[in-house]
PDB file of N, CA and C in Angstrom:
ATOM      1  N   MET A   1       0.849  -1.186   0.000  1.00  0.00           N
ATOM      2  CA  MET A   1       0.000   0.000   0.000  1.00  0.00           C
ATOM      3  C   MET A   1       0.890   1.244   0.000  1.00  0.00           C
ATOM      4  N   GLY A   2       0.371   2.324  -0.580  1.00  0.00           N
ATOM      5  CA  GLY A   2       1.145   3.554  -0.708  1.00  0.00           C
ATOM      6  C   GLY A   2       0.878   4.550   0.403  1.00  0.00           C
ATOM      7  N   GLU A   3       1.458   5.695   0.233  1.00  0.00           N
ATOM      8  CA  GLU A   3       1.281   6.814   1.154  1.00  0.00           C
ATOM      9  C   GLU A   3       0.956   8.057   0.344  1.00  0.00           C
ATOM     10  N   PHE A   4       0.474   9.091   1.019  1.00  0.00           N
ATOM     11  CA  PHE A   4       0.249  10.367   0.355  1.00  0.00           C
ATOM     12  C   PHE A   4       1.586  10.905  -0.136  1.00  0.00           C
ATOM     13  N   SER A   5       1.581  11.542  -1.292  1.00  0.00           N
ATOM     14  CA  SER A   5       2.833  12.061  -1.857  1.00  0.00           C
ATOM     15  C   SER A   5       3.380  13.240  -1.055  1.00  0.00           C
ATOM     16  N   ASN A   6       2.520  13.934  -0.300  1.00  0.00           N
ATOM     17  CA  ASN A   6       2.944  15.022   0.577  1.00  0.00           C
ATOM     18  C   ASN A   6       2.505  14.696   2.001  1.00  0.00           C
ATOM     19  N   GLY A   7       3.314  15.045   2.961  1.00  0.00           N
ATOM     20  CA  GLY A   7       2.971  14.808   4.355  1.00  0.00           C
ATOM     21  C   GLY A   7       1.806  15.683   4.808  1.00  0.00           C
ATOM     22  N   LEU A   8       1.246  15.343   5.942  1.00  0.00           N
ATOM     23  CA  LEU A   8       0.117  16.104   6.480  1.00  0.00           C
ATOM     24  C   LEU A   8       0.487  17.559   6.710  1.00  0.00           C
ATOM     25  N   PHE A   9       1.712  17.804   7.119  1.00  0.00           N
ATOM     26  CA  PHE A   9       2.129  19.181   7.372  1.00  0.00           C
ATOM     27  C   PHE A   9       2.963  19.738   6.217  1.00  0.00           C
ATOM     28  N   GLY A  10       2.755  19.208   5.031  1.00  0.00           N
ATOM     29  CA  GLY A  10       3.396  19.724   3.833  1.00  0.00           C
ATOM     30  C   GLY A  10       2.556  20.820   3.190  1.00  0.00           C
ATOM     31  N   CYS A  11       1.828  21.547   4.023  1.00  0.00           N
ATOM     32  CA  CYS A  11       0.901  22.576   3.544  1.00  0.00           C
ATOM     33  C   CYS A  11       1.589  23.615   2.669  1.00  0.00           C
ATOM     34  N   PHE A  12       2.797  23.978   3.052  1.00  0.00           N
ATOM     35  CA  PHE A  12       3.456  25.095   2.384  1.00  0.00           C
ATOM     36  C   PHE A  12       4.199  24.686   1.119  1.00  0.00           C
ATOM     37  N   ASN A  13       4.028  23.438   0.677  1.00  0.00           N
ATOM     38  CA  ASN A  13       4.599  23.023  -0.595  1.00  0.00           C
ATOM     39  C   ASN A  13       3.925  23.749  -1.752  1.00  0.00           C
ATOM     40  N   ASN A  14       2.686  24.187  -1.526  1.00  0.00           N
ATOM     41  CA  ASN A  14       1.933  24.950  -2.521  1.00  0.00           C
ATOM     42  C   ASN A  14       1.269  26.106  -1.789  1.00  0.00           C
ATOM     43  N   CYS A  15       1.949  27.254  -1.736  1.00  0.00           N
ATOM     44  CA  CYS A  15       1.474  28.381  -0.919  1.00  0.00           C
ATOM     45  C   CYS A  15       0.139  28.941  -1.394  1.00  0.00           C
ATOM     46  N   SER A  16      -0.103  28.985  -2.696  1.00  0.00           N
ATOM     47  CA  SER A  16      -1.377  29.521  -3.175  1.00  0.00           C
ATOM     48  C   SER A  16      -2.536  28.626  -2.732  1.00  0.00           C
ATOM     49  N   LEU A  17      -2.363  27.322  -2.811  1.00  0.00           N
ATOM     50  CA  LEU A  17      -3.382  26.384  -2.339  1.00  0.00           C
ATOM     51  C   LEU A  17      -3.594  26.540  -0.841  1.00  0.00           C
ATOM     52  N   CYS A  18      -2.521  26.741  -0.113  1.00  0.00           N
ATOM     53  CA  CYS A  18      -2.588  26.924   1.334  1.00  0.00           C
ATOM     54  C   CYS A  18      -3.420  28.156   1.694  1.00  0.00           C
ATOM     55  N   ILE A  19      -3.178  29.258   1.010  1.00  0.00           N
ATOM     56  CA  ILE A  19      -3.895  30.509   1.284  1.00  0.00           C
ATOM     57  C   ILE A  19      -5.377  30.367   0.924  1.00  0.00           C
ATOM     58  N   ILE A  20      -5.656  29.795  -0.241  1.00  0.00           N
ATOM     59  CA  ILE A  20      -7.051  29.606  -0.664  1.00  0.00           C
ATOM     60  C   ILE A  20      -7.794  28.718   0.327  1.00  0.00           C
ATOM     61  N   THR A  21      -7.165  27.635   0.746  1.00  0.00           N
ATOM     62  CA  THR A  21      -7.819  26.699   1.662  1.00  0.00           C
ATOM     63  C   THR A  21      -8.024  27.321   3.031  1.00  0.00           C
ATOM     64  N   TYR A  22      -7.110  28.144   3.470  1.00  0.00           N
ATOM     65  CA  TYR A  22      -7.250  28.791   4.773  1.00  0.00           C
ATOM     66  C   TYR A  22      -8.458  29.725   4.791  1.00  0.00           C
ATOM     67  N   PHE A  23      -8.631  30.492   3.717  1.00  0.00           N
ATOM     68  CA  PHE A  23      -9.723  31.464   3.681  1.00  0.00           C
ATOM     69  C   PHE A  23     -11.039  30.908   3.147  1.00  0.00           C
ATOM     70  N   VAL A  24     -10.984  29.928   2.244  1.00  0.00           N
ATOM     71  CA  VAL A  24     -12.199  29.355   1.652  1.00  0.00           C
ATOM     72  C   VAL A  24     -12.069  27.824   1.604  1.00  0.00           C
ATOM     73  N   PRO A  25     -12.095  27.166   2.762  1.00  0.00           N
ATOM     74  CA  PRO A  25     -11.890  25.710   2.769  1.00  0.00           C
ATOM     75  C   PRO A  25     -12.971  24.951   2.008  1.00  0.00           C
ATOM     76  N   CYS A  26     -14.174  25.522   1.918  1.00  0.00           N
ATOM     77  CA  CYS A  26     -15.243  24.829   1.198  1.00  0.00           C
ATOM     78  C   CYS A  26     -14.919  24.699  -0.293  1.00  0.00           C
ATOM     79  N   LEU A  27     -14.170  25.630  -0.853  1.00  0.00           N
ATOM     80  CA  LEU A  27     -13.767  25.550  -2.255  1.00  0.00           C
ATOM     81  C   LEU A  27     -12.833  24.358  -2.475  1.00  0.00           C
ATOM     82  N   THR A  28     -11.834  24.225  -1.627  1.00  0.00           N
ATOM     83  CA  THR A  28     -10.898  23.104  -1.749  1.00  0.00           C
ATOM     84  C   THR A  28     -11.610  21.778  -1.508  1.00  0.00           C
ATOM     85  N   ALA A  29     -12.511  21.743  -0.521  1.00  0.00           N
ATOM     86  CA  ALA A  29     -13.264  20.513  -0.248  1.00  0.00           C
ATOM     87  C   ALA A  29     -14.108  20.126  -1.456  1.00  0.00           C
ATOM     88  N   GLY A  30     -14.745  21.099  -2.085  1.00  0.00           N
ATOM     89  CA  GLY A  30     -15.556  20.833  -3.276  1.00  0.00           C
ATOM     90  C   GLY A  30     -14.721  20.342  -4.439  1.00  0.00           C
ATOM     91  N   LYS A  31     -13.569  20.962  -4.658  1.00  0.00           N
ATOM     92  CA  LYS A  31     -12.682  20.544  -5.755  1.00  0.00           C
ATOM     93  C   LYS A  31     -12.122  19.145  -5.517  1.00  0.00           C
ATOM     94  N   ASN A  32     -11.826  18.817  -4.255  1.00  0.00           N
ATOM     95  CA  ASN A  32     -11.367  17.464  -3.933  1.00  0.00           C
ATOM     96  C   ASN A  32     -12.462  16.449  -4.252  1.00  0.00           C
ATOM     97  N   ALA A  33     -13.699  16.784  -3.903  1.00  0.00           N
ATOM     98  CA  ALA A  33     -14.825  15.889  -4.176  1.00  0.00           C
ATOM     99  C   ALA A  33     -15.014  15.714  -5.680  1.00  0.00           C
ATOM    100  N   GLU A  34     -14.905  16.804  -6.401  1.00  0.00           N
ATOM    101  CA  GLU A  34     -15.061  16.757  -7.856  1.00  0.00           C
ATOM    102  C   GLU A  34     -14.001  15.859  -8.503  1.00  0.00           C
ATOM    103  N   ALA A  35     -12.812  15.867  -7.949  1.00  0.00           N
ATOM    104  CA  ALA A  35     -11.712  15.063  -8.492  1.00  0.00           C
ATOM    105  C   ALA A  35     -11.963  13.559  -8.380  1.00  0.00           C
ATOM    106  N   VAL A  36     -12.831  13.156  -7.437  1.00  0.00           N
ATOM    107  CA  VAL A  36     -13.146  11.730  -7.294  1.00  0.00           C
ATOM    108  C   VAL A  36     -14.572  11.413  -7.760  1.00  0.00           C
ATOM    109  N   GLY A  37     -15.150  12.327  -8.555  1.00  0.00           N
ATOM    110  CA  GLY A  37     -16.432  12.053  -9.182  1.00  0.00           C
ATOM    111  C   GLY A  37     -17.665  12.462  -8.403  1.00  0.00           C
ATOM    112  N   GLU A  38     -17.513  13.240  -7.363  1.00  0.00           N
ATOM    113  CA  GLU A  38     -18.669  13.709  -6.588  1.00  0.00           C
ATOM    114  C   GLU A  38     -18.980  15.162  -6.961  1.00  0.00           C
ATOM    115  N   SER A  39     -20.090  15.671  -6.479  1.00  0.00           N
ATOM    116  CA  SER A  39     -20.510  17.036  -6.792  1.00  0.00           C
ATOM    117  C   SER A  39     -19.690  18.062  -6.017  1.00  0.00           C
ATOM    118  N   CYS A  40     -19.062  18.970  -6.735  1.00  0.00           N
ATOM    119  CA  CYS A  40     -18.262  20.031  -6.122  1.00  0.00           C
ATOM    120  C   CYS A  40     -19.134  20.901  -5.220  1.00  0.00           C
ATOM    121  N   CYS A  41     -20.282  21.307  -5.730  1.00  0.00           N
ATOM    122  CA  CYS A  41     -21.167  22.216  -4.994  1.00  0.00           C
ATOM    123  C   CYS A  41     -21.734  21.558  -3.732  1.00  0.00           C
ATOM    124  N   VAL A  42     -22.215  20.339  -3.869  1.00  0.00           N
ATOM    125  CA  VAL A  42     -22.815  19.640  -2.724  1.00  0.00           C
ATOM    126  C   VAL A  42     -21.790  19.429  -1.614  1.00  0.00           C
ATOM    127  N   TYR A  43     -20.631  18.868  -1.968  1.00  0.00           N
ATOM    128  CA  TYR A  43     -19.629  18.573  -0.943  1.00  0.00           C
ATOM    129  C   TYR A  43     -18.952  19.837  -0.418  1.00  0.00           C
ATOM    130  N   GLY A  44     -18.873  20.875  -1.246  1.00  0.00           N
ATOM    131  CA  GLY A  44     -18.361  22.158  -0.759  1.00  0.00           C
ATOM    132  C   GLY A  44     -19.269  22.731   0.309  1.00  0.00           C
ATOM    133  N   CYS A  45     -20.579  22.663   0.067  1.00  0.00           N
ATOM    134  CA  CYS A  45     -21.558  23.173   1.047  1.00  0.00           C
ATOM    135  C   CYS A  45     -21.608  22.288   2.294  1.00  0.00           C
ATOM    136  N   LEU A  46     -21.584  20.977   2.096  1.00  0.00           N
ATOM    137  CA  LEU A  46     -21.610  20.073   3.247  1.00  0.00           C
ATOM    138  C   LEU A  46     -20.390  20.257   4.144  1.00  0.00           C
ATOM    139  N   SER A  47     -19.267  20.627   3.554  1.00  0.00           N
ATOM    140  CA  SER A  47     -18.010  20.693   4.309  1.00  0.00           C
ATOM    141  C   SER A  47     -18.026  21.730   5.423  1.00  0.00           C
ATOM    142  N   ILE A  48     -18.934  22.683   5.374  1.00  0.00           N
ATOM    143  CA  ILE A  48     -18.962  23.742   6.391  1.00  0.00           C
ATOM    144  C   ILE A  48     -19.990  23.481   7.493  1.00  0.00           C
ATOM    145  N   LEU A  49     -20.594  22.305   7.509  1.00  0.00           N
ATOM    146  CA  LEU A  49     -21.679  22.014   8.442  1.00  0.00           C
ATOM    147  C   LEU A  49     -21.259  21.207   9.671  1.00  0.00           C
ATOM    148  N   GLY A  50     -20.187  21.594  10.324  1.00  0.00           N
ATOM    149  CA  GLY A  50     -19.755  20.967  11.577  1.00  0.00           C
ATOM    150  C   GLY A  50     -19.524  19.473  11.445  1.00  0.00           C
ATOM    151  N   PRO A  51     -20.228  18.652  12.253  1.00  0.00           N
ATOM    152  CA  PRO A  51     -20.022  17.198  12.205  1.00  0.00           C
ATOM    153  C   PRO A  51     -20.354  16.594  10.836  1.00  0.00           C
ATOM    154  N   VAL A  52     -21.357  17.138  10.159  1.00  0.00           N
ATOM    155  CA  VAL A  52     -21.698  16.668   8.816  1.00  0.00           C
ATOM    156  C   VAL A  52     -20.537  16.964   7.869  1.00  0.00           C
ATOM    157  N   GLY A  53     -19.933  18.131   8.043  1.00  0.00           N
ATOM    158  CA  GLY A  53     -18.781  18.507   7.229  1.00  0.00           C
ATOM    159  C   GLY A  53     -17.600  17.586   7.456  1.00  0.00           C
ATOM    160  N   MET A  54     -17.365  17.253   8.711  1.00  0.00           N
ATOM    161  CA  MET A  54     -16.268  16.341   9.026  1.00  0.00           C
ATOM    162  C   MET A  54     -16.515  14.981   8.379  1.00  0.00           C
ATOM    163  N   TRP A  55     -17.734  14.503   8.444  1.00  0.00           N
ATOM    164  CA  TRP A  55     -18.091  13.228   7.821  1.00  0.00           C
ATOM    165  C   TRP A  55     -17.899  13.288   6.307  1.00  0.00           C
ATOM    166  N   SER A  56     -18.387  14.360   5.669  1.00  0.00           N
ATOM    167  CA  SER A  56     -18.297  14.442   4.209  1.00  0.00           C
ATOM    168  C   SER A  56     -16.848  14.580   3.737  1.00  0.00           C
ATOM    169  N   ARG A  57     -16.044  15.369   4.448  1.00  0.00           N
ATOM    170  CA  ARG A  57     -14.630  15.510   4.078  1.00  0.00           C
ATOM    171  C   ARG A  57     -13.886  14.191   4.287  1.00  0.00           C
ATOM    172  N   SER A  58     -14.245  13.464   5.345  1.00  0.00           N
ATOM    173  CA  SER A  58     -13.619  12.168   5.612  1.00  0.00           C
ATOM    174  C   SER A  58     -13.986  11.151   4.539  1.00  0.00           C
ATOM    175  N   LYS A  59     -15.224  11.211   4.076  1.00  0.00           N
ATOM    176  CA  LYS A  59     -15.680  10.308   3.015  1.00  0.00           C
ATOM    177  C   LYS A  59     -14.877  10.552   1.741  1.00  0.00           C
ATOM    178  N   ILE A  60     -14.660  11.809   1.396  1.00  0.00           N
ATOM    179  CA  ILE A  60     -13.886  12.151   0.200  1.00  0.00           C
ATOM    180  C   ILE A  60     -12.430  11.733   0.380  1.00  0.00           C
ATOM    181  N   ARG A  61     -11.879  11.945   1.574  1.00  0.00           N
ATOM    182  CA  ARG A  61     -10.492  11.516   1.836  1.00  0.00           C
ATOM    183  C   ARG A  61     -10.374  10.005   1.623  1.00  0.00           C
ATOM    184  N   GLY A  62     -11.365   9.264   2.066  1.00  0.00           N
ATOM    185  CA  GLY A  62     -11.366   7.817   1.868  1.00  0.00           C
ATOM    186  C   GLY A  62     -11.380   7.445   0.393  1.00  0.00           C
ATOM    187  N   LYS A  63     -12.165   8.161  -0.405  1.00  0.00           N
ATOM    188  CA  LYS A  63     -12.209   7.885  -1.844  1.00  0.00           C
ATOM    189  C   LYS A  63     -10.872   8.196  -2.500  1.00  0.00           C
ATOM    190  N   ILE A  64     -10.227   9.272  -2.055  1.00  0.00           N
ATOM    191  CA  ILE A  64      -8.907   9.615  -2.587  1.00  0.00           C
ATOM    192  C   ILE A  64      -7.909   8.520  -2.229  1.00  0.00           C
ATOM    193  N   ARG A  65      -7.970   8.065  -0.972  1.00  0.00           N
ATOM    194  CA  ARG A  65      -7.068   6.995  -0.533  1.00  0.00           C
ATOM    195  C   ARG A  65      -7.276   5.735  -1.362  1.00  0.00           C
ATOM    196  N   GLU A  66      -8.542   5.354  -1.563  1.00  0.00           N
ATOM    197  CA  GLU A  66      -8.843   4.145  -2.327  1.00  0.00           C
ATOM    198  C   GLU A  66      -8.338   4.246  -3.759  1.00  0.00           C
ATOM    199  N   SER A  67      -8.526   5.402  -4.372  1.00  0.00           N
ATOM    200  CA  SER A  67      -8.120   5.556  -5.765  1.00  0.00           C
ATOM    201  C   SER A  67      -6.606   5.523  -5.931  1.00  0.00           C
ATOM    202  N   LYS A  68      -5.868   5.891  -4.890  1.00  0.00           N
ATOM    203  CA  LYS A  68      -4.409   5.920  -4.951  1.00  0.00           C
ATOM    204  C   LYS A  68      -3.750   4.730  -4.258  1.00  0.00           C
ATOM    205  N   GLY A  69      -4.555   3.855  -3.656  1.00  0.00           N
ATOM    206  CA  GLY A  69      -4.004   2.701  -2.957  1.00  0.00           C
ATOM    207  C   GLY A  69      -3.266   3.076  -1.682  1.00  0.00           C
ATOM    208  N   ILE A  70      -3.795   4.068  -0.970  1.00  0.00           N
ATOM    209  CA  ILE A  70      -3.158   4.552   0.260  1.00  0.00           C
ATOM    210  C   ILE A  70      -3.833   3.898   1.465  1.00  0.00           C
ATOM    211  N   GLU A  71      -3.018   3.442   2.396  1.00  0.00           N
ATOM    212  CA  GLU A  71      -3.543   2.805   3.612  1.00  0.00           C
ATOM    213  C   GLU A  71      -4.312   3.806   4.462  1.00  0.00           C
ATOM    214  N   GLY A  72      -5.213   3.288   5.272  1.00  0.00           N
ATOM    215  CA  GLY A  72      -5.935   4.122   6.214  1.00  0.00           C
ATOM    216  C   GLY A  72      -7.312   3.560   6.498  1.00  0.00           C
ATOM    217  N   SER A  73      -8.050   4.292   7.335  1.00  0.00           N
ATOM    218  CA  SER A  73      -9.403   3.879   7.696  1.00  0.00           C
ATOM    219  C   SER A  73     -10.282   5.116   7.805  1.00  0.00           C
ATOM    220  N   PHE A  74     -11.581   4.893   7.808  1.00  0.00           N
ATOM    221  CA  PHE A  74     -12.510   6.009   7.938  1.00  0.00           C
ATOM    222  C   PHE A  74     -12.325   6.717   9.280  1.00  0.00           C
ATOM    223  N   MET A  75     -12.044   5.964  10.320  1.00  0.00           N
ATOM    224  CA  MET A  75     -11.832   6.574  11.642  1.00  0.00           C
ATOM    225  C   MET A  75     -10.606   7.484  11.610  1.00  0.00           C
ATOM    226  N   ASN A  76      -9.549   7.035  10.987  1.00  0.00           N
ATOM    227  CA  ASN A  76      -8.346   7.846  10.858  1.00  0.00           C
ATOM    228  C   ASN A  76      -8.639   9.119  10.051  1.00  0.00           C
ATOM    229  N   ASP A  77      -9.435   8.970   8.979  1.00  0.00           N
ATOM    230  CA  ASP A  77      -9.812  10.131   8.168  1.00  0.00           C
ATOM    231  C   ASP A  77     -10.615  11.133   8.999  1.00  0.00           C
ATOM    232  N   CYS A  78     -11.525  10.615   9.831  1.00  0.00           N
ATOM    233  CA  CYS A  78     -12.309  11.504  10.709  1.00  0.00           C
ATOM    234  C   CYS A  78     -11.403  12.250  11.681  1.00  0.00           C
ATOM    235  N   LEU A  79     -10.443  11.552  12.257  1.00  0.00           N
ATOM    236  CA  LEU A  79      -9.519  12.195  13.193  1.00  0.00           C
ATOM    237  C   LEU A  79      -8.685  13.263  12.495  1.00  0.00           C
ATOM    238  N   MET A  80      -8.257  12.994  11.278  1.00  0.00           N
ATOM    239  CA  MET A  80      -7.492  13.989  10.513  1.00  0.00           C
ATOM    240  C   MET A  80      -8.314  15.257  10.315  1.00  0.00           C
ATOM    241  N   HIS A  81      -9.580  15.080   9.967  1.00  0.00           N
ATOM    242  CA  HIS A  81     -10.431  16.250   9.720  1.00  0.00           C
ATOM    243  C   HIS A  81     -10.955  16.882  11.006  1.00  0.00           C
ATOM    244  N   TRP A  82     -10.877  16.177  12.103  1.00  0.00           N
ATOM    245  CA  TRP A  82     -11.272  16.765  13.381  1.00  0.00           C
ATOM    246  C   TRP A  82     -10.156  17.676  13.917  1.00  0.00           C
ATOM    247  N   PHE A  83      -8.924  17.188  13.858  1.00  0.00           N
ATOM    248  CA  PHE A  83      -7.815  17.913  14.468  1.00  0.00           C
ATOM    249  C   PHE A  83      -6.991  18.748  13.496  1.00  0.00           C
ATOM    250  N   CYS A  84      -6.925  18.353  12.239  1.00  0.00           N
ATOM    251  CA  CYS A  84      -6.065  19.049  11.256  1.00  0.00           C
ATOM    252  C   CYS A  84      -6.812  19.236   9.942  1.00  0.00           C
ATOM    253  N   ALA A  85      -7.998  19.803   9.988  1.00  0.00           N
ATOM    254  CA  ALA A  85      -8.859  19.874   8.803  1.00  0.00           C
ATOM    255  C   ALA A  85      -8.203  20.600   7.635  1.00  0.00           C
ATOM    256  N   ILE A  86      -7.633  21.759   7.866  1.00  0.00           N
ATOM    257  CA  ILE A  86      -7.030  22.528   6.780  1.00  0.00           C
ATOM    258  C   ILE A  86      -5.855  21.762   6.172  1.00  0.00           C
ATOM    259  N   CYS A  87      -4.990  21.239   7.021  1.00  0.00           N
ATOM    260  CA  CYS A  87      -3.829  20.474   6.523  1.00  0.00           C
ATOM    261  C   CYS A  87      -4.276  19.240   5.751  1.00  0.00           C
ATOM    262  N   ALA A  88      -5.325  18.561   6.224  1.00  0.00           N
ATOM    263  CA  ALA A  88      -5.827  17.369   5.537  1.00  0.00           C
ATOM    264  C   ALA A  88      -6.403  17.736   4.168  1.00  0.00           C
ATOM    265  N   LEU A  89      -7.157  18.829   4.100  1.00  0.00           N
ATOM    266  CA  LEU A  89      -7.707  19.277   2.813  1.00  0.00           C
ATOM    267  C   LEU A  89      -6.599  19.588   1.812  1.00  0.00           C
ATOM    268  N   ILE A  90      -5.567  20.270   2.281  1.00  0.00           N
ATOM    269  CA  ILE A  90      -4.453  20.624   1.403  1.00  0.00           C
ATOM    270  C   ILE A  90      -3.713  19.368   0.945  1.00  0.00           C
ATOM    271  N   GLN A  91      -3.491  18.437   1.862  1.00  0.00           N
ATOM    272  CA  GLN A  91      -2.815  17.187   1.511  1.00  0.00           C
ATOM    273  C   GLN A  91      -3.601  16.445   0.433  1.00  0.00           C
ATOM    274  N   GLU A  92      -4.904  16.375   0.589  1.00  0.00           N
ATOM    275  CA  GLU A  92      -5.760  15.694  -0.390  1.00  0.00           C
ATOM    276  C   GLU A  92      -5.721  16.429  -1.729  1.00  0.00           C
ATOM    277  N   ALA A  93      -5.797  17.755  -1.690  1.00  0.00           N
ATOM    278  CA  ALA A  93      -5.772  18.543  -2.933  1.00  0.00           C
ATOM    279  C   ALA A  93      -4.450  18.367  -3.667  1.00  0.00           C
ATOM    280  N   GLN A  94      -3.356  18.339  -2.929  1.00  0.00           N
ATOM    281  CA  GLN A  94      -2.051  18.123  -3.560  1.00  0.00           C
ATOM    282  C   GLN A  94      -1.997  16.740  -4.198  1.00  0.00           C
ATOM    283  N   GLU A  95      -2.616  15.771  -3.567  1.00  0.00           N
ATOM    284  CA  GLU A  95      -2.626  14.410  -4.101  1.00  0.00           C
ATOM    285  C   GLU A  95      -3.406  14.350  -5.409  1.00  0.00           C
ATOM    286  N   VAL A  96      -4.606  14.920  -5.450  1.00  0.00           N
ATOM    287  CA  VAL A  96      -5.410  14.849  -6.678  1.00  0.00           C
ATOM    288  C   VAL A  96      -4.859  15.770  -7.758  1.00  0.00           C
ATOM    289  N   GLN A  97      -4.257  16.891  -7.383  1.00  0.00           N
ATOM    290  CA  GLN A  97      -3.652  17.766  -8.385  1.00  0.00           C
ATOM    291  C   GLN A  97      -2.437  17.101  -9.003  1.00  0.00           C
ATOM    292  N   GLY A  98      -1.695  16.367  -8.215  1.00  0.00           N
ATOM    293  CA  GLY A  98      -0.542  15.640  -8.749  1.00  0.00           C
ATOM    294  C   GLY A  98      -0.965  14.634  -9.797  1.00  0.00           C
ATOM    295  N   VAL A  99      -2.086  13.966  -9.577  1.00  0.00           N
ATOM    296  CA  VAL A  99      -2.616  12.993 -10.531  1.00  0.00           C
ATOM    297  C   VAL A  99      -3.047  13.712 -11.805  1.00  0.00           C
ATOM    298  N   GLN A 100      -3.727  14.850 -11.656  1.00  0.00           N
ATOM    299  CA  GLN A 100      -4.193  15.612 -12.814  1.00  0.00           C
ATOM    300  C   GLN A 100      -3.025  16.156 -13.622  1.00  0.00           C
ATOM    301  N   GLN A 101      -1.994  16.643 -12.959  1.00  0.00           N
ATOM    302  CA  GLN A 101      -0.835  17.178 -13.646  1.00  0.00           C
ATOM    303  C   GLN A 101      -0.097  16.083 -14.397  1.00  0.00           C
ATOM    304  N   GLN A 102       0.002  14.892 -13.822  1.00  0.00           N
ATOM    305  CA  GLN A 102       0.650  13.781 -14.512  1.00  0.00           C
ATOM    306  C   GLN A 102      -0.128  13.391 -15.763  1.00  0.00           C
ATOM    307  N   ALA A 103      -1.469  13.423 -15.682  1.00  0.00           N
ATOM    308  CA  ALA A 103      -2.302  13.084 -16.827  1.00  0.00           C
ATOM    309  C   ALA A 103      -2.120  14.120 -17.945  1.00  0.00           C
ATOM    310  N   MET A 104      -1.978  15.387 -17.588  1.00  0.00           N
ATOM    311  CA  MET A 104      -1.798  16.428 -18.582  1.00  0.00           C
ATOM    312  C   MET A 104      -0.445  16.292 -19.278  1.00  0.00           C
ATOM    313  N   VAL A 105       0.572  15.894 -18.542  1.00  0.00           N
ATOM    314  CA  VAL A 105       1.907  15.716 -19.110  1.00  0.00           C
ATOM    315  C   VAL A 105       1.906  14.561 -20.120  1.00  0.00           C
ATOM    316  N   ARG A 106       1.163  13.505 -19.821  1.00  0.00           N
ATOM    317  CA  ARG A 106       1.102  12.330 -20.704  1.00  0.00           C
ATOM    318  C   ARG A 106       0.401  12.635 -22.022  1.00  0.00           C
ATOM    319  N   GLU A 107      -0.551  13.571 -22.003  1.00  0.00           N
ATOM    320  CA  GLU A 107      -1.315  13.884 -23.220  1.00  0.00           C
ATOM    321  C   GLU A 107      -0.515  14.684 -24.118  1.00  0.00           C
TER     322      GLU A 107
END
């Protein structure tokens, strides 16, 4: 099984993403959801609803993990979004953006 390409505290590897996520985390959450085939608008809105938001962000993190073959569990995803929500969102966004950038290079 693999690991995320960036660590949980690798937030500053992409400063523009870090700033956007800090001020508008629902945008990053929506884009992460869109990257795994879910609705950007729905998951962006759900992400700001306290416990529901934590659940929805954890669900998307799980889908990202599954698509990349990364170890983990739903409980671990919930804990990440409970204690380090911004860092977890950025880590997930860096993971899906890396996949998109690799696909663009291949074309």
